[in-house]
């Protein structure tokens, strides 16, 4: 698995990407962090520079990958920052190894990311038409109007279009089989839940529902972003992140 690790001070921040992106989705957030903040980010199976697994896997396997990356870089305990499927993976890490999670930042995610039928339909569409054909339709689900008009938006469409097809399909299948709603009460770490008013993938009501059910969660809703505020509004994202980090570290 491809990882990027920066040693430093403070409780480490471990970043877990959304579906169809790689660790570069956090570039602007990392740049806005204090230079001495320890952090780790990684490419999921089938994404970025990580290999595609030769067989199917589930969200618990992806959570195990995060824990393995932490162990491999000497991180015993961290704040897990996950976006979309990354947030679902982060919730699994908290359930599987609570002693290793100091806190959770759950961006644009939920305990169940849509009905299984929708994911199976997407898988079929990707098999029939390829990643590039699907990528154009995903952009309005990813980004709010401000980002869609930005000159950098096509770069993210290109990144999605070039994602390994089999890795993307396997990850969609993992999402389709996952619903941990009944276990949210077991996640007792402090959490920051982030959403975007223009998010069509995990709409505000879905994100608000997650924040309500988690035992110790705060909610921040960005007015101008869609599904990927770490890309769309990295300074606002980082301010919210560091405010949370400072509060739970005090």
Foldseek 3Di string as FASTA:
>chain_A
DDKDWDAADDAEEEEEEAFLAFQCLQVLLCVPDPPRHTYMYGGFAQADPHHHDPDFDALLVRLVVSVVVCVVVVQQAHEYEYAASSLCSVLSVCVVPVVRYQEYEYEQYALAQDALVVLVVVLVCCVVPNQLVVLVVCLQQFWFPVVVPDPCSVVSSVSSRPGRSVNSSSHSNNRNVTGCPVPLQVRQHAYEQEAECSHPRRHPVRSVVRQVPRPHYDYDYHDGTYRRCCNVPVVVVSVVVVVVSVVSVD
